[in-house]
């Protein structure tokens, strides 16, 4: 049995956290690349913040990518980290990531309530059918 299998059997949460942070690291990295390199309509689709903040949203997702990578490396039981992350710092990073996500959802919901429907022609076209 490998070392990772033995440690994940004794602590199943460690394997789940590692896989979750691995997926989040990949997703936030992809979103950052889309916000920075994609053409205009594609860059704004997944951010829900409109065309004014779509490019700046890439910095937010890049920051979230780095935080998820740090949390993934602290949850990884196979590879010892270069600089171990203390439990208190990992907890603060988790809370910060949760706060960042909640703030984004609140801004997106507020923007959807305030913006005129004309800013989203694809959504209006789907509604008319």
Protein backbone atom coordinates (compact mmCIF):
# COMPACT_ATOMS: atom_id res chain seq x y z
CA UNK A 1 0.00 0.00 0.00
CA UNK A 2 1.34 3.41 -0.88
CA UNK A 3 2.00 6.10 1.63
CA UNK A 4 -0.85 8.26 0.30
CA UNK A 5 -3.30 5.35 0.50
CA UNK A 6 -2.34 4.65 4.10
CA UNK A 7 -2.62 8.28 5.15
CA UNK A 8 -5.90 8.78 3.31
CA UNK A 9 -7.36 5.67 4.96
CA UNK A 10 -6.48 6.99 8.40
CA UNK A 11 -7.71 10.49 7.53
CA UNK A 12 -10.28 10.38 4.69
CA UNK A 13 -10.88 14.14 4.96
CA UNK A 14 -7.29 14.82 3.87
CA UNK A 15 -7.84 13.04 0.54
CA UNK A 16 -11.13 14.82 -0.06
CA UNK A 17 -9.66 18.23 0.78
CA UNK A 18 -6.67 17.59 -1.45
CA UNK A 19 -8.88 16.60 -4.39
CA UNK A 20 -11.20 19.56 -3.81
CA UNK A 21 -8.37 22.09 -3.69
CA UNK A 22 -6.77 20.45 -6.72
CA UNK A 23 -9.99 20.95 -8.70
CA UNK A 24 -10.42 24.51 -7.44
CA UNK A 25 -6.81 25.37 -8.31
CA UNK A 26 -7.34 24.13 -11.86
CA UNK A 27 -10.71 25.92 -12.24
CA UNK A 28 -9.50 29.27 -10.90
CA UNK A 29 -6.39 29.02 -13.10
CA UNK A 30 -8.57 28.39 -16.15
CA UNK A 31 -10.86 31.30 -15.23
CA UNK A 32 -7.82 33.57 -14.84
CA UNK A 33 -6.51 32.59 -18.25
CA UNK A 34 -9.94 33.18 -19.83
CA UNK A 35 -10.27 36.61 -18.24
CA UNK A 36 -6.81 37.66 -19.40
CA UNK A 37 -6.48 36.06 -22.85
CA UNK A 38 -9.99 35.40 -24.18
CA UNK A 39 -11.79 37.82 -26.51
CA UNK A 40 -14.47 40.07 -25.05
CA UNK A 41 -17.71 38.03 -25.02
CA UNK A 42 -16.01 34.89 -23.75
CA UNK A 43 -14.06 36.78 -21.07
CA UNK A 44 -17.22 38.06 -19.37
CA UNK A 45 -19.43 34.95 -19.44
CA UNK A 46 -18.39 33.19 -16.24
CA UNK A 47 -17.61 36.25 -14.11
CA UNK A 48 -21.13 37.77 -14.08
CA UNK A 49 -19.67 41.21 -13.33
CA UNK A 50 -20.22 42.81 -16.73
CA UNK A 51 -17.79 44.12 -19.30
CA UNK A 52 -16.41 46.86 -17.06
CA UNK A 53 -14.93 44.48 -14.50
CA UNK A 54 -14.36 41.37 -16.63
CA UNK A 55 -10.62 41.89 -17.11
CA UNK A 56 -10.07 42.90 -13.48
CA UNK A 57 -11.86 39.73 -12.42
CA UNK A 58 -8.84 37.80 -13.68
CA UNK A 59 -6.78 39.20 -10.80
CA UNK A 60 -9.39 37.95 -8.31
CA UNK A 61 -9.37 34.47 -9.78
CA UNK A 62 -5.56 34.46 -9.87
CA UNK A 63 -5.50 35.31 -6.16
CA UNK A 64 -8.05 32.56 -5.47
CA UNK A 65 -5.90 30.20 -7.55
CA UNK A 66 -2.84 30.91 -5.40
CA UNK A 67 -4.82 30.47 -2.16
CA UNK A 68 -6.26 27.15 -3.35
CA UNK A 69 -2.78 25.98 -4.39
CA UNK A 70 -1.40 26.80 -0.93
CA UNK A 71 -4.30 24.99 0.74
CA UNK A 72 -3.86 22.03 -1.64
CA UNK A 73 -0.18 21.76 -0.83
CA UNK A 74 -0.90 21.94 2.89
CA UNK A 75 -3.51 19.14 2.54
CA UNK A 76 -1.21 17.01 0.39
CA UNK A 77 0.14 14.16 2.47
CA UNK A 78 2.49 12.72 -0.18
CA UNK A 79 4.78 15.68 -0.70
CA UNK A 80 6.17 17.60 2.26
CA UNK A 81 5.67 21.34 1.61
CA UNK A 82 8.67 23.61 1.25
CA UNK A 83 7.28 25.84 3.97
CA UNK A 84 4.62 24.16 6.14
CA UNK A 85 1.42 26.14 6.52
CA UNK A 86 0.35 26.47 10.15
CA UNK A 87 -3.19 25.37 10.94
CA UNK A 88 -4.20 28.89 12.00
CA UNK A 89 -3.00 30.32 8.68
CA UNK A 90 -4.77 27.60 6.70
CA UNK A 91 -7.99 28.39 8.58
CA UNK A 92 -7.59 32.09 7.77
CA UNK A 93 -6.98 31.30 4.11
CA UNK A 94 -10.08 29.09 4.00
CA UNK A 95 -12.19 31.83 5.58
CA UNK A 96 -10.73 34.42 3.21
CA UNK A 97 -11.52 32.27 0.19
CA UNK A 98 -15.06 31.75 1.43
CA UNK A 99 -15.44 35.50 1.98
CA UNK A 100 -14.08 36.23 -1.51
CA UNK A 101 -16.60 33.83 -3.05
CA UNK A 102 -19.51 35.18 -1.01
CA UNK A 103 -18.58 38.75 -1.93
CA UNK A 104 -18.46 37.85 -5.61
CA UNK A 105 -21.87 36.18 -5.46
CA UNK A 106 -23.32 39.20 -3.64
CA UNK A 107 -21.89 41.62 -6.23
CA UNK A 108 -23.18 39.43 -9.08
CA UNK A 109 -26.66 39.26 -7.54
CA UNK A 110 -26.68 43.00 -6.90
CA UNK A 111 -25.49 43.68 -10.44
CA UNK A 112 -28.25 41.51 -11.88
CA UNK A 113 -30.82 43.46 -9.86
CA UNK A 114 -29.45 46.89 -10.78
CA UNK A 115 -28.42 46.39 -14.43
CA UNK A 116 -30.92 46.89 -17.18
CA UNK A 117 -32.03 43.79 -19.07
CA UNK A 118 -30.71 45.36 -22.30
CA UNK A 119 -27.15 44.68 -21.13
CA UNK A 120 -27.82 40.96 -21.43
CA UNK A 121 -29.31 40.48 -24.91
CA UNK A 122 -28.74 36.71 -24.96
CA UNK A 123 -30.72 36.29 -21.72
CA UNK A 124 -33.53 38.50 -23.03
CA UNK A 125 -33.63 36.55 -26.32
CA UNK A 126 -33.98 33.25 -24.43
CA UNK A 127 -36.76 34.68 -22.29
CA UNK A 128 -38.81 35.81 -25.29
CA UNK A 129 -38.98 32.31 -26.81
